[in-house]
Amino acid sequence: MQKQEVTIYDVAREAGVSMATVSRVVNGNTNVRKETRDKVSAVIERLHYQPNAVAQGLASKKTTTVGLIVPGLTNLHFAELSKGIDDIASMYKYNIILSSVENNLLSEEKVIQGLLNKQVDGVIYMSNSMSNKAREAFARTNTPVVLAGTIDESNEFGSVSIDFKTAENDVFNLFYKDGKRKLALAVGDEGAFINKGNRIVYYKEFLEKNNLGAANVYDHITSYEDGYELADKLLADNVDAIMVTRDLPAAGLVNALTDKGIKIPEQLEIVSATSTNIAKVVRPHLTTVQQPLYDIGAVAMRMLTKLMNKEELDEKHISLGYTLQYGQTTLNK
């Protein structure tokens, strides 16, 4: 026989008080006599009563929960971002509901609707691309949304990231100073705004400015296997330096080139646009764009707390600093 859930009514009956009094005790309202508060607290402990966040939210208009949307649960880049988010959320006594969309637009719509059905007070969105249906869903509920580690095509939502243009220019300038002239860019999804409207644009601008010829953009490079298979394409295209937007395929590329006897970085330089522990595990170590992932997550969560409290933002788009972390895949160390 299934055990019946203890309700606020059960607590009120056992303590001999009104449900409103129990609610005040649960929510930390000081307008309750100590004797009454102690009695209610004792009953709550004895009955193992767990307040229902959604039910509380119906009265308070808040559930003290925040939805966190990530592209994939195994992506170390977003895992580090999530640490900063979780720490600030705990500080402000918010609970996190973590959801993964796995870069699937149908899954994204389902995940977002599921979060909104749970009446989350706000959402931190970390996927590289947001569908129109997702925007419409957020707009219908007026749920505050902040982007962490990416940027918004419509300029509609607050965001926290690094200056992608300056970072990319630093990488390609590094290649250029090392005498590399056949430069390439490998991205996860060419259609995502962070790529089509930013990285690819900046890359082509650099090529044009320095008269370096046609662009070499490699799409759908997301996994270790993708990076490994990319090696043959780079060699066929005579590429001598490449920026890869993720560590995992960059590691696959390093291993494939090493297996083929290609000297890194003398014959081919590699820089990853992210920096996770993978960069340190692969040999030779990857040179990376060191993003302050924890800080990006923490600042994004602080921004969201302001929006949830109807506060004005000092800045809608915050850009944090970064560094080039020199490993062994570039000549400049």
C-alpha atoms as a PDB file:
ATOM      1  CA  MET A   1       0.000   0.000   0.000  1.00  0.00           C
ATOM      2  CA  GLN A   2       1.414   3.381  -1.008  1.00  0.00           C
ATOM      3  CA  LYS A   3       2.225   5.733   1.860  1.00  0.00           C
ATOM      4  CA  GLN A   4       0.040   8.852   1.821  1.00  0.00           C
ATOM      5  CA  GLU A   5       1.865  12.168   1.476  1.00  0.00           C
ATOM      6  CA  VAL A   6       1.792  14.394   4.550  1.00  0.00           C
ATOM      7  CA  THR A   7       0.016  17.692   3.814  1.00  0.00           C
ATOM      8  CA  ILE A   8      -0.032  21.111   5.448  1.00  0.00           C
ATOM      9  CA  TYR A   9      -3.527  20.210   6.685  1.00  0.00           C
ATOM     10  CA  ASP A  10      -2.114  17.206   8.580  1.00  0.00           C
ATOM     11  CA  VAL A  11       0.503  19.379  10.280  1.00  0.00           C
ATOM     12  CA  ALA A  12      -2.065  22.028  11.234  1.00  0.00           C
ATOM     13  CA  ARG A  13      -4.413  19.403  12.699  1.00  0.00           C
ATOM     14  CA  GLU A  14      -1.678  17.694  14.720  1.00  0.00           C
ATOM     15  CA  ALA A  15      -0.310  21.008  16.037  1.00  0.00           C
ATOM     16  CA  GLY A  16      -3.747  22.435  16.772  1.00  0.00           C
ATOM     17  CA  VAL A  17      -3.157  25.571  14.690  1.00  0.00           C
ATOM     18  CA  SER A  18      -4.405  27.009  11.409  1.00  0.00           C
ATOM     19  CA  MET A  19      -2.860  26.162   8.057  1.00  0.00           C
ATOM     20  CA  ALA A  20      -1.914  29.842   7.745  1.00  0.00           C
ATOM     21  CA  THR A  21       0.177  29.525  10.915  1.00  0.00           C
ATOM     22  CA  VAL A  22       1.949  26.443   9.548  1.00  0.00           C
ATOM     23  CA  SER A  23       2.641  28.332   6.319  1.00  0.00           C
ATOM     24  CA  ARG A  24       4.148  31.248   8.272  1.00  0.00           C
ATOM     25  CA  VAL A  25       6.429  28.864  10.188  1.00  0.00           C
ATOM     26  CA  VAL A  26       7.527  27.086   7.003  1.00  0.00           C
ATOM     27  CA  ASN A  27       8.325  30.387   5.292  1.00  0.00           C
ATOM     28  CA  GLY A  28      10.266  31.775   8.251  1.00  0.00           C
ATOM     29  CA  ASN A  29       7.735  34.488   9.113  1.00  0.00           C
ATOM     30  CA  THR A  30       8.747  36.008  12.459  1.00  0.00           C
ATOM     31  CA  ASN A  31       5.166  36.993  13.257  1.00  0.00           C
ATOM     32  CA  VAL A  32       4.607  33.724  15.151  1.00  0.00           C
ATOM     33  CA  ARG A  33       5.037  33.215  18.906  1.00  0.00           C
ATOM     34  CA  LYS A  34       8.104  31.143  19.806  1.00  0.00           C
ATOM     35  CA  GLU A  35       5.988  28.582  21.660  1.00  0.00           C
ATOM     36  CA  THR A  36       3.729  28.100  18.632  1.00  0.00           C
ATOM     37  CA  ARG A  37       6.664  28.012  16.214  1.00  0.00           C
ATOM     38  CA  ASP A  38       8.450  25.360  18.293  1.00  0.00           C
ATOM     39  CA  LYS A  39       5.276  23.243  18.484  1.00  0.00           C
ATOM     40  CA  VAL A  40       4.672  23.418  14.731  1.00  0.00           C
ATOM     41  CA  SER A  41       8.340  22.706  13.980  1.00  0.00           C
ATOM     42  CA  ALA A  42       8.231  19.624  16.190  1.00  0.00           C
ATOM     43  CA  VAL A  43       5.189  18.277  14.327  1.00  0.00           C
ATOM     44  CA  ILE A  44       6.814  19.002  10.959  1.00  0.00           C
ATOM     45  CA  GLU A  45       9.871  17.013  12.022  1.00  0.00           C
ATOM     46  CA  ARG A  46       7.834  14.144  13.473  1.00  0.00           C
ATOM     47  CA  LEU A  47       5.606  13.796  10.402  1.00  0.00           C
ATOM     48  CA  HIS A  48       8.503  14.384   7.963  1.00  0.00           C
ATOM     49  CA  TYR A  49       6.473  17.067   6.224  1.00  0.00           C
ATOM     50  CA  GLN A  50       8.017  18.373   2.973  1.00  0.00           C
ATOM     51  CA  PRO A  51       6.503  21.670   1.745  1.00  0.00           C
ATOM     52  CA  ASN A  52       5.494  21.559  -1.900  1.00  0.00           C
ATOM     53  CA  ALA A  53       7.394  24.282  -3.742  1.00  0.00           C
ATOM     54  CA  VAL A  54       4.822  24.590  -6.517  1.00  0.00           C
ATOM     55  CA  ALA A  55       1.932  24.798  -4.054  1.00  0.00           C
ATOM     56  CA  GLN A  56       3.772  27.490  -2.140  1.00  0.00           C
ATOM     57  CA  GLY A  57       4.367  29.291  -5.398  1.00  0.00           C
ATOM     58  CA  LEU A  58       0.641  29.506  -6.102  1.00  0.00           C
ATOM     59  CA  ALA A  59       0.310  31.772  -3.085  1.00  0.00           C
ATOM     60  CA  SER A  60       3.638  33.616  -3.115  1.00  0.00           C
ATOM     61  CA  LYS A  61       4.009  33.830  -6.920  1.00  0.00           C
ATOM     62  CA  LYS A  62       7.481  32.300  -6.410  1.00  0.00           C
ATOM     63  CA  THR A  63       8.762  28.728  -6.318  1.00  0.00           C
ATOM     64  CA  THR A  64      12.403  29.627  -5.494  1.00  0.00           C
ATOM     65  CA  THR A  65      13.447  27.352  -8.358  1.00  0.00           C
ATOM     66  CA  VAL A  66      15.520  28.236 -11.412  1.00  0.00           C
ATOM     67  CA  GLY A  67      15.678  26.246 -14.641  1.00  0.00           C
ATOM     68  CA  LEU A  68      19.127  25.586 -16.088  1.00  0.00           C
ATOM     69  CA  ILE A  69      19.224  24.543 -19.764  1.00  0.00           C
ATOM     70  CA  VAL A  70      22.437  22.976 -21.106  1.00  0.00           C
ATOM     71  CA  PRO A  71      23.194  21.430 -24.523  1.00  0.00           C
ATOM     72  CA  GLY A  72      24.490  18.193 -23.006  1.00  0.00           C
ATOM     73  CA  LEU A  73      25.080  16.789 -19.543  1.00  0.00           C
ATOM     74  CA  THR A  74      28.526  15.418 -20.461  1.00  0.00           C
ATOM     75  CA  ASN A  75      29.900  18.705 -21.825  1.00  0.00           C
ATOM     76  CA  LEU A  76      32.663  19.765 -19.405  1.00  0.00           C
ATOM     77  CA  HIS A  77      32.524  23.379 -20.607  1.00  0.00           C
ATOM     78  CA  PHE A  78      28.940  23.787 -19.417  1.00  0.00           C
ATOM     79  CA  ALA A  79      29.559  21.718 -16.289  1.00  0.00           C
ATOM     80  CA  GLU A  80      32.105  24.305 -15.111  1.00  0.00           C
ATOM     81  CA  LEU A  81      29.678  27.117 -15.911  1.00  0.00           C
ATOM     82  CA  SER A  82      27.040  25.324 -13.862  1.00  0.00           C
ATOM     83  CA  LYS A  83      29.238  25.345 -10.751  1.00  0.00           C
ATOM     84  CA  GLY A  84      29.227  29.127 -10.633  1.00  0.00           C
ATOM     85  CA  ILE A  85      25.477  29.214 -11.206  1.00  0.00           C
ATOM     86  CA  ASP A  86      24.799  26.680  -8.447  1.00  0.00           C
ATOM     87  CA  ASP A  87      26.944  28.477  -5.862  1.00  0.00           C
ATOM     88  CA  ILE A  88      25.181  31.814  -6.346  1.00  0.00           C
ATOM     89  CA  ALA A  89      21.784  30.112  -6.492  1.00  0.00           C
ATOM     90  CA  SER A  90      22.495  28.471  -3.123  1.00  0.00           C
ATOM     91  CA  MET A  91      23.564  31.822  -1.688  1.00  0.00           C
ATOM     92  CA  TYR A  92      20.201  33.304  -2.642  1.00  0.00           C
ATOM     93  CA  LYS A  93      18.355  30.125  -1.585  1.00  0.00           C
ATOM     94  CA  TYR A  94      17.224  29.071  -5.051  1.00  0.00           C
ATOM     95  CA  ASN A  95      17.012  25.447  -6.145  1.00  0.00           C
ATOM     96  CA  ILE A  96      18.225  24.369  -9.580  1.00  0.00           C
ATOM     97  CA  ILE A  97      16.320  22.198 -12.050  1.00  0.00           C
ATOM     98  CA  LEU A  98      18.841  20.991 -14.626  1.00  0.00           C
ATOM     99  CA  SER A  99      17.651  20.083 -18.118  1.00  0.00           C
ATOM    100  CA  SER A 100      19.520  19.009 -21.248  1.00  0.00           C
ATOM    101  CA  VAL A 101      18.373  19.682 -24.812  1.00  0.00           C
ATOM    102  CA  GLU A 102      21.186  17.783 -26.584  1.00  0.00           C
ATOM    103  CA  ASN A 103      21.061  20.270 -29.492  1.00  0.00           C
ATOM    104  CA  ASN A 104      17.640  18.992 -30.564  1.00  0.00           C
ATOM    105  CA  LEU A 105      15.041  21.689 -31.242  1.00  0.00           C
ATOM    106  CA  LEU A 106      12.126  19.351 -30.510  1.00  0.00           C
ATOM    107  CA  SER A 107      13.767  18.397 -27.229  1.00  0.00           C
ATOM    108  CA  GLU A 108      14.410  22.086 -26.513  1.00  0.00           C
ATOM    109  CA  GLU A 109      10.732  22.984 -26.824  1.00  0.00           C
ATOM    110  CA  LYS A 110       9.737  20.066 -24.624  1.00  0.00           C
ATOM    111  CA  VAL A 111      12.358  20.911 -21.994  1.00  0.00           C
ATOM    112  CA  ILE A 112      11.404  24.586 -21.870  1.00  0.00           C
ATOM    113  CA  GLN A 113       7.714  23.819 -21.579  1.00  0.00           C
ATOM    114  CA  GLY A 114       8.459  21.329 -18.812  1.00  0.00           C
ATOM    115  CA  LEU A 115      10.365  23.986 -16.856  1.00  0.00           C
ATOM    116  CA  LEU A 116       7.621  26.561 -17.363  1.00  0.00           C
ATOM    117  CA  ASN A 117       5.024  24.025 -16.199  1.00  0.00           C
ATOM    118  CA  LYS A 118       7.014  23.717 -12.982  1.00  0.00           C
ATOM    119  CA  GLN A 119       6.618  27.492 -12.591  1.00  0.00           C
ATOM    120  CA  VAL A 120      10.337  28.222 -12.348  1.00  0.00           C
ATOM    121  CA  ASP A 121      11.063  31.809 -11.365  1.00  0.00           C
ATOM    122  CA  GLY A 122      13.722  32.208 -14.061  1.00  0.00           C
ATOM    123  CA  VAL A 123      15.867  30.368 -16.591  1.00  0.00           C
ATOM    124  CA  ILE A 124      19.580  30.365 -17.385  1.00  0.00           C
ATOM    125  CA  TYR A 125      20.082  29.262 -20.962  1.00  0.00           C
ATOM    126  CA  MET A 126      23.432  27.886 -22.119  1.00  0.00           C
ATOM    127  CA  SER A 127      22.731  26.353 -25.510  1.00  0.00           C
ATOM    128  CA  ASN A 128      24.402  28.052 -28.497  1.00  0.00           C
ATOM    129  CA  SER A 129      21.168  28.584 -30.423  1.00  0.00           C
ATOM    130  CA  MET A 130      17.611  29.399 -29.358  1.00  0.00           C
ATOM    131  CA  SER A 131      14.667  28.529 -31.599  1.00  0.00           C
ATOM    132  CA  ASN A 132      11.830  30.962 -32.329  1.00  0.00           C
ATOM    133  CA  LYS A 133       9.400  28.651 -30.566  1.00  0.00           C
ATOM    134  CA  ALA A 134      11.575  28.797 -27.446  1.00  0.00           C
ATOM    135  CA  ARG A 135      11.508  32.595 -27.559  1.00  0.00           C
ATOM    136  CA  GLU A 136       7.735  32.555 -27.954  1.00  0.00           C
ATOM    137  CA  ALA A 137       7.363  30.233 -24.970  1.00  0.00           C
ATOM    138  CA  PHE A 138       9.432  32.511 -22.758  1.00  0.00           C
ATOM    139  CA  ALA A 139       7.599  35.604 -23.993  1.00  0.00           C
ATOM    140  CA  ARG A 140       4.171  34.131 -23.168  1.00  0.00           C
ATOM    141  CA  THR A 141       5.074  33.685 -19.501  1.00  0.00           C
ATOM    142  CA  ASN A 142       7.312  36.733 -19.010  1.00  0.00           C
ATOM    143  CA  THR A 143       9.818  34.401 -17.350  1.00  0.00           C
ATOM    144  CA  PRO A 144      13.202  36.130 -16.881  1.00  0.00           C
ATOM    145  CA  VAL A 145      15.932  34.534 -19.000  1.00  0.00           C
ATOM    146  CA  VAL A 146      19.704  35.057 -18.941  1.00  0.00           C
ATOM    147  CA  LEU A 147      22.209  33.551 -21.385  1.00  0.00           C
ATOM    148  CA  ALA A 148      25.474  32.237 -19.935  1.00  0.00           C
ATOM    149  CA  GLY A 149      28.555  31.722 -22.100  1.00  0.00           C
ATOM    150  CA  THR A 150      26.794  32.662 -25.315  1.00  0.00           C
ATOM    151  CA  ILE A 151      25.065  35.614 -26.960  1.00  0.00           C
ATOM    152  CA  ASP A 152      21.598  36.458 -28.213  1.00  0.00           C
ATOM    153  CA  GLU A 153      20.833  37.034 -31.879  1.00  0.00           C
ATOM    154  CA  SER A 154      17.810  39.229 -31.087  1.00  0.00           C
ATOM    155  CA  ASN A 155      19.509  41.192 -28.309  1.00  0.00           C
ATOM    156  CA  GLU A 156      16.407  40.399 -26.265  1.00  0.00           C
ATOM    157  CA  PHE A 157      17.894  38.644 -23.235  1.00  0.00           C
ATOM    158  CA  GLY A 158      20.618  39.548 -20.772  1.00  0.00           C
ATOM    159  CA  SER A 159      23.865  37.669 -21.324  1.00  0.00           C
ATOM    160  CA  VAL A 160      27.293  37.004 -19.828  1.00  0.00           C
ATOM    161  CA  SER A 161      30.205  35.839 -21.978  1.00  0.00           C
ATOM    162  CA  ILE A 162      33.646  36.866 -23.178  1.00  0.00           C
ATOM    163  CA  ASP A 163      34.432  39.213 -26.087  1.00  0.00           C
ATOM    164  CA  PHE A 164      34.451  36.550 -28.803  1.00  0.00           C
ATOM    165  CA  LYS A 165      35.702  38.897 -31.517  1.00  0.00           C
ATOM    166  CA  THR A 166      38.781  40.035 -29.607  1.00  0.00           C
ATOM    167  CA  ALA A 167      39.551  36.488 -28.454  1.00  0.00           C
ATOM    168  CA  GLU A 168      39.327  35.128 -31.991  1.00  0.00           C
ATOM    169  CA  ASN A 169      41.480  37.911 -33.388  1.00  0.00           C
ATOM    170  CA  ASP A 170      44.087  37.137 -30.735  1.00  0.00           C
ATOM    171  CA  VAL A 171      44.141  33.496 -31.837  1.00  0.00           C
ATOM    172  CA  PHE A 172      44.468  34.200 -35.559  1.00  0.00           C
ATOM    173  CA  ASN A 173      47.042  36.940 -34.927  1.00  0.00           C
ATOM    174  CA  LEU A 174      49.030  34.349 -32.994  1.00  0.00           C
ATOM    175  CA  PHE A 175      48.916  32.008 -36.001  1.00  0.00           C
ATOM    176  CA  TYR A 176      49.870  34.835 -38.351  1.00  0.00           C
ATOM    177  CA  LYS A 177      52.854  35.904 -36.241  1.00  0.00           C
ATOM    178  CA  ASP A 178      54.033  32.282 -36.252  1.00  0.00           C
ATOM    179  CA  GLY A 179      54.161  32.387 -40.043  1.00  0.00           C
ATOM    180  CA  LYS A 180      50.981  30.379 -40.637  1.00  0.00           C
ATOM    181  CA  ARG A 181      48.984  31.454 -43.690  1.00  0.00           C
ATOM    182  CA  LYS A 182      46.478  28.658 -44.391  1.00  0.00           C
ATOM    183  CA  LEU A 183      44.139  29.240 -41.457  1.00  0.00           C
ATOM    184  CA  ALA A 184      40.969  27.294 -40.638  1.00  0.00           C
ATOM    185  CA  LEU A 185      38.041  27.280 -38.217  1.00  0.00           C
ATOM    186  CA  ALA A 186      36.135  24.223 -36.915  1.00  0.00           C
ATOM    187  CA  VAL A 187      32.706  24.802 -35.329  1.00  0.00           C
ATOM    188  CA  GLY A 188      30.002  22.660 -33.774  1.00  0.00           C
ATOM    189  CA  ASP A 189      27.015  24.081 -35.635  1.00  0.00           C
ATOM    190  CA  GLU A 190      27.615  26.501 -38.476  1.00  0.00           C
ATOM    191  CA  GLY A 191      24.014  27.732 -38.252  1.00  0.00           C
ATOM    192  CA  ALA A 192      24.147  28.715 -34.570  1.00  0.00           C
ATOM    193  CA  PHE A 193      24.295  32.495 -34.161  1.00  0.00           C
ATOM    194  CA  ILE A 194      27.442  32.325 -32.029  1.00  0.00           C
ATOM    195  CA  ASN A 195      29.123  30.848 -35.135  1.00  0.00           C
ATOM    196  CA  LYS A 196      27.354  32.228 -38.214  1.00  0.00           C
ATOM    197  CA  GLY A 197      26.943  35.728 -36.781  1.00  0.00           C
ATOM    198  CA  ASN A 198      30.189  35.933 -34.860  1.00  0.00           C
ATOM    199  CA  ARG A 199      33.045  33.426 -35.106  1.00  0.00           C
ATOM    200  CA  ILE A 200      32.764  32.769 -38.838  1.00  0.00           C
ATOM    201  CA  VAL A 201      32.274  36.473 -39.560  1.00  0.00           C
ATOM    202  CA  TYR A 202      35.350  37.455 -37.511  1.00  0.00           C
ATOM    203  CA  TYR A 203      37.407  34.683 -39.120  1.00  0.00           C
ATOM    204  CA  LYS A 204      36.542  35.818 -42.644  1.00  0.00           C
ATOM    205  CA  GLU A 205      37.219  39.447 -41.718  1.00  0.00           C
ATOM    206  CA  PHE A 206      40.690  38.450 -40.533  1.00  0.00           C
ATOM    207  CA  LEU A 207      41.396  36.550 -43.746  1.00  0.00           C
ATOM    208  CA  GLU A 208      40.279  39.488 -45.882  1.00  0.00           C
ATOM    209  CA  LYS A 209      42.246  42.034 -43.840  1.00  0.00           C
ATOM    210  CA  ASN A 210      45.438  40.006 -44.260  1.00  0.00           C
ATOM    211  CA  ASN A 211      44.826  38.828 -47.848  1.00  0.00           C
ATOM    212  CA  LEU A 212      44.874  35.169 -46.851  1.00  0.00           C
ATOM    213  CA  GLY A 213      42.521  33.775 -49.477  1.00  0.00           C
ATOM    214  CA  ALA A 214      39.400  31.631 -49.148  1.00  0.00           C
ATOM    215  CA  ALA A 215      37.966  30.484 -45.835  1.00  0.00           C
ATOM    216  CA  ASN A 216      38.167  26.913 -44.579  1.00  0.00           C
ATOM    217  CA  VAL A 217      35.226  26.372 -42.209  1.00  0.00           C
ATOM    218  CA  TYR A 218      34.576  22.818 -40.975  1.00  0.00           C
ATOM    219  CA  ASP A 219      31.077  22.207 -39.599  1.00  0.00           C
ATOM    220  CA  HIS A 220      29.617  19.670 -37.141  1.00  0.00           C
ATOM    221  CA  ILE A 221      32.934  19.139 -35.351  1.00  0.00           C
ATOM    222  CA  THR A 222      31.625  18.249 -31.885  1.00  0.00           C
ATOM    223  CA  SER A 223      33.001  14.874 -30.797  1.00  0.00           C
ATOM    224  CA  TYR A 224      36.401  13.253 -30.342  1.00  0.00           C
ATOM    225  CA  GLU A 225      35.725  11.158 -33.456  1.00  0.00           C
ATOM    226  CA  ASP A 226      34.845  14.280 -35.473  1.00  0.00           C
ATOM    227  CA  GLY A 227      38.184  15.795 -34.534  1.00  0.00           C
ATOM    228  CA  TYR A 228      40.058  12.618 -35.356  1.00  0.00           C
ATOM    229  CA  GLU A 229      38.446  12.394 -38.805  1.00  0.00           C
ATOM    230  CA  LEU A 230      39.091  16.102 -39.427  1.00  0.00           C
ATOM    231  CA  ALA A 231      42.842  15.483 -39.658  1.00  0.00           C
ATOM    232  CA  ASP A 232      42.671  14.043 -43.193  1.00  0.00           C
ATOM    233  CA  LYS A 233      40.622  17.024 -44.424  1.00  0.00           C
ATOM    234  CA  LEU A 234      43.090  19.533 -42.994  1.00  0.00           C
ATOM    235  CA  LEU A 235      46.039  17.777 -44.592  1.00  0.00           C
ATOM    236  CA  ALA A 236      44.232  17.586 -47.931  1.00  0.00           C
ATOM    237  CA  ASP A 237      43.480  21.323 -47.740  1.00  0.00           C
ATOM    238  CA  ASN A 238      47.062  22.141 -46.698  1.00  0.00           C
ATOM    239  CA  VAL A 239      45.862  23.855 -43.505  1.00  0.00           C
ATOM    240  CA  ASP A 240      48.719  24.859 -41.200  1.00  0.00           C
ATOM    241  CA  ALA A 241      46.749  26.366 -38.286  1.00  0.00           C
ATOM    242  CA  ILE A 242      43.220  25.874 -36.953  1.00  0.00           C
ATOM    243  CA  MET A 243      40.968  27.170 -34.203  1.00  0.00           C
ATOM    244  CA  VAL A 244      38.552  24.517 -32.889  1.00  0.00           C
ATOM    245  CA  THR A 245      35.607  25.707 -30.815  1.00  0.00           C
ATOM    246  CA  ARG A 246      35.600  22.699 -28.440  1.00  0.00           C
ATOM    247  CA  ASP A 247      38.290  20.846 -26.505  1.00  0.00           C
ATOM    248  CA  LEU A 248      37.080  17.300 -27.193  1.00  0.00           C
ATOM    249  CA  PRO A 249      37.353  17.393 -31.010  1.00  0.00           C
ATOM    250  CA  ALA A 250      40.579  19.388 -30.656  1.00  0.00           C
ATOM    251  CA  ALA A 251      41.965  16.489 -28.614  1.00  0.00           C
ATOM    252  CA  GLY A 252      40.852  14.023 -31.292  1.00  0.00           C
ATOM    253  CA  LEU A 253      42.589  16.134 -33.923  1.00  0.00           C
ATOM    254  CA  VAL A 254      45.837  16.239 -31.926  1.00  0.00           C
ATOM    255  CA  ASN A 255      45.864  12.464 -31.553  1.00  0.00           C
ATOM    256  CA  ALA A 256      45.055  11.847 -35.226  1.00  0.00           C
ATOM    257  CA  LEU A 257      47.832  14.152 -36.433  1.00  0.00           C
ATOM    258  CA  THR A 258      50.273  12.546 -33.997  1.00  0.00           C
ATOM    259  CA  ASP A 259      49.301   9.100 -35.277  1.00  0.00           C
ATOM    260  CA  LYS A 260      50.016  10.306 -38.816  1.00  0.00           C
ATOM    261  CA  GLY A 261      53.462  11.575 -37.860  1.00  0.00           C
ATOM    262  CA  ILE A 262      52.564  15.263 -38.260  1.00  0.00           C
ATOM    263  CA  LYS A 263      54.671  17.532 -36.079  1.00  0.00           C
ATOM    264  CA  ILE A 264      52.597  19.765 -33.787  1.00  0.00           C
ATOM    265  CA  PRO A 265      52.977  22.745 -33.746  1.00  0.00           C
ATOM    266  CA  GLU A 266      55.706  22.988 -36.400  1.00  0.00           C
ATOM    267  CA  GLN A 267      53.575  21.649 -39.239  1.00  0.00           C
ATOM    268  CA  LEU A 268      50.132  22.447 -37.860  1.00  0.00           C
ATOM    269  CA  GLU A 269      49.101  24.682 -34.957  1.00  0.00           C
ATOM    270  CA  ILE A 270      45.899  24.141 -32.958  1.00  0.00           C
ATOM    271  CA  VAL A 271      44.031  26.372 -30.503  1.00  0.00           C
ATOM    272  CA  SER A 272      40.814  25.411 -28.722  1.00  0.00           C
ATOM    273  CA  ALA A 273      38.251  28.149 -28.045  1.00  0.00           C
ATOM    274  CA  THR A 274      37.368  26.588 -24.705  1.00  0.00           C
ATOM    275  CA  SER A 275      39.491  25.375 -21.838  1.00  0.00           C
ATOM    276  CA  THR A 276      38.539  22.297 -19.816  1.00  0.00           C
ATOM    277  CA  ASN A 277      40.639  19.565 -18.211  1.00  0.00           C
ATOM    278  CA  ILE A 278      40.737  17.821 -21.589  1.00  0.00           C
ATOM    279  CA  ALA A 279      43.241  20.444 -22.734  1.00  0.00           C
ATOM    280  CA  LYS A 280      45.672  19.269 -20.047  1.00  0.00           C
ATOM    281  CA  VAL A 281      45.107  15.550 -20.537  1.00  0.00           C
ATOM    282  CA  VAL A 282      45.897  15.368 -24.272  1.00  0.00           C
ATOM    283  CA  ARG A 283      49.551  15.253 -25.378  1.00  0.00           C
ATOM    284  CA  PRO A 284      50.786  17.672 -26.512  1.00  0.00           C
ATOM    285  CA  HIS A 285      48.799  20.005 -24.226  1.00  0.00           C
ATOM    286  CA  LEU A 286      46.341  22.236 -26.052  1.00  0.00           C
ATOM    287  CA  THR A 287      46.761  25.986 -26.293  1.00  0.00           C
ATOM    288  CA  THR A 288      43.329  27.378 -25.359  1.00  0.00           C
ATOM    289  CA  VAL A 289      41.240  30.473 -24.897  1.00  0.00           C
ATOM    290  CA  GLN A 290      40.925  30.413 -21.108  1.00  0.00           C
ATOM    291  CA  GLN A 291      37.387  31.565 -20.335  1.00  0.00           C
ATOM    292  CA  PRO A 292      36.424  32.364 -16.718  1.00  0.00           C
ATOM    293  CA  LEU A 293      33.695  29.715 -16.815  1.00  0.00           C
ATOM    294  CA  TYR A 294      32.897  29.714 -13.106  1.00  0.00           C
ATOM    295  CA  ASP A 295      32.659  33.522 -13.064  1.00  0.00           C
ATOM    296  CA  ILE A 296      30.453  33.584 -16.167  1.00  0.00           C
ATOM    297  CA  GLY A 297      28.014  31.229 -14.444  1.00  0.00           C
ATOM    298  CA  ALA A 298      28.117  33.154 -11.167  1.00  0.00           C
ATOM    299  CA  VAL A 299      27.539  36.548 -12.797  1.00  0.00           C
ATOM    300  CA  ALA A 300      24.718  35.134 -14.940  1.00  0.00           C
ATOM    301  CA  MET A 301      22.945  33.803 -11.849  1.00  0.00           C
ATOM    302  CA  ARG A 302      23.371  37.122 -10.037  1.00  0.00           C
ATOM    303  CA  MET A 303      21.909  38.895 -13.077  1.00  0.00           C
ATOM    304  CA  LEU A 304      18.946  36.520 -13.018  1.00  0.00           C
ATOM    305  CA  THR A 305      18.281  37.179  -9.309  1.00  0.00           C
ATOM    306  CA  LYS A 306      17.989  40.881 -10.115  1.00  0.00           C
ATOM    307  CA  LEU A 307      15.560  40.236 -12.952  1.00  0.00           C
ATOM    308  CA  MET A 308      13.464  37.907 -10.785  1.00  0.00           C
ATOM    309  CA  ASN A 309      13.266  40.650  -8.155  1.00  0.00           C
ATOM    310  CA  LYS A 310      12.231  43.228 -10.781  1.00  0.00           C
ATOM    311  CA  GLU A 311      15.476  45.174 -10.338  1.00  0.00           C
ATOM    312  CA  GLU A 312      17.078  47.264 -13.059  1.00  0.00           C
ATOM    313  CA  LEU A 313      20.268  45.857 -14.601  1.00  0.00           C
ATOM    314  CA  ASP A 314      23.347  48.081 -14.646  1.00  0.00           C
ATOM    315  CA  GLU A 315      24.422  46.266 -17.820  1.00  0.00           C
ATOM    316  CA  LYS A 316      22.337  43.948 -19.983  1.00  0.00           C
ATOM    317  CA  HIS A 317      25.335  42.345 -21.675  1.00  0.00           C
ATOM    318  CA  ILE A 318      28.404  41.656 -19.570  1.00  0.00           C
ATOM    319  CA  SER A 319      31.729  40.703 -21.132  1.00  0.00           C
ATOM    320  CA  LEU A 320      34.346  39.139 -18.849  1.00  0.00           C
ATOM    321  CA  GLY A 321      38.071  38.897 -19.453  1.00  0.00           C
ATOM    322  CA  TYR A 322      39.917  35.900 -20.873  1.00  0.00           C
ATOM    323  CA  THR A 323      43.511  34.821 -21.439  1.00  0.00           C
ATOM    324  CA  LEU A 324      45.354  32.711 -23.971  1.00  0.00           C
ATOM    325  CA  GLN A 325      46.576  29.669 -22.083  1.00  0.00           C
ATOM    326  CA  TYR A 326      49.674  28.510 -23.930  1.00  0.00           C
ATOM    327  CA  GLY A 327      50.144  24.780 -24.204  1.00  0.00           C
ATOM    328  CA  GLN A 328      52.237  22.814 -26.682  1.00  0.00           C
ATOM    329  CA  THR A 329      50.092  23.064 -29.816  1.00  0.00           C
ATOM    330  CA  THR A 330      51.344  26.539 -30.811  1.00  0.00           C
ATOM    331  CA  LEU A 331      54.877  27.749 -31.420  1.00  0.00           C
ATOM    332  CA  ASN A 332      54.362  30.690 -29.077  1.00  0.00           C
ATOM    333  CA  LYS A 333      54.546  29.346 -25.532  1.00  0.00           C
END
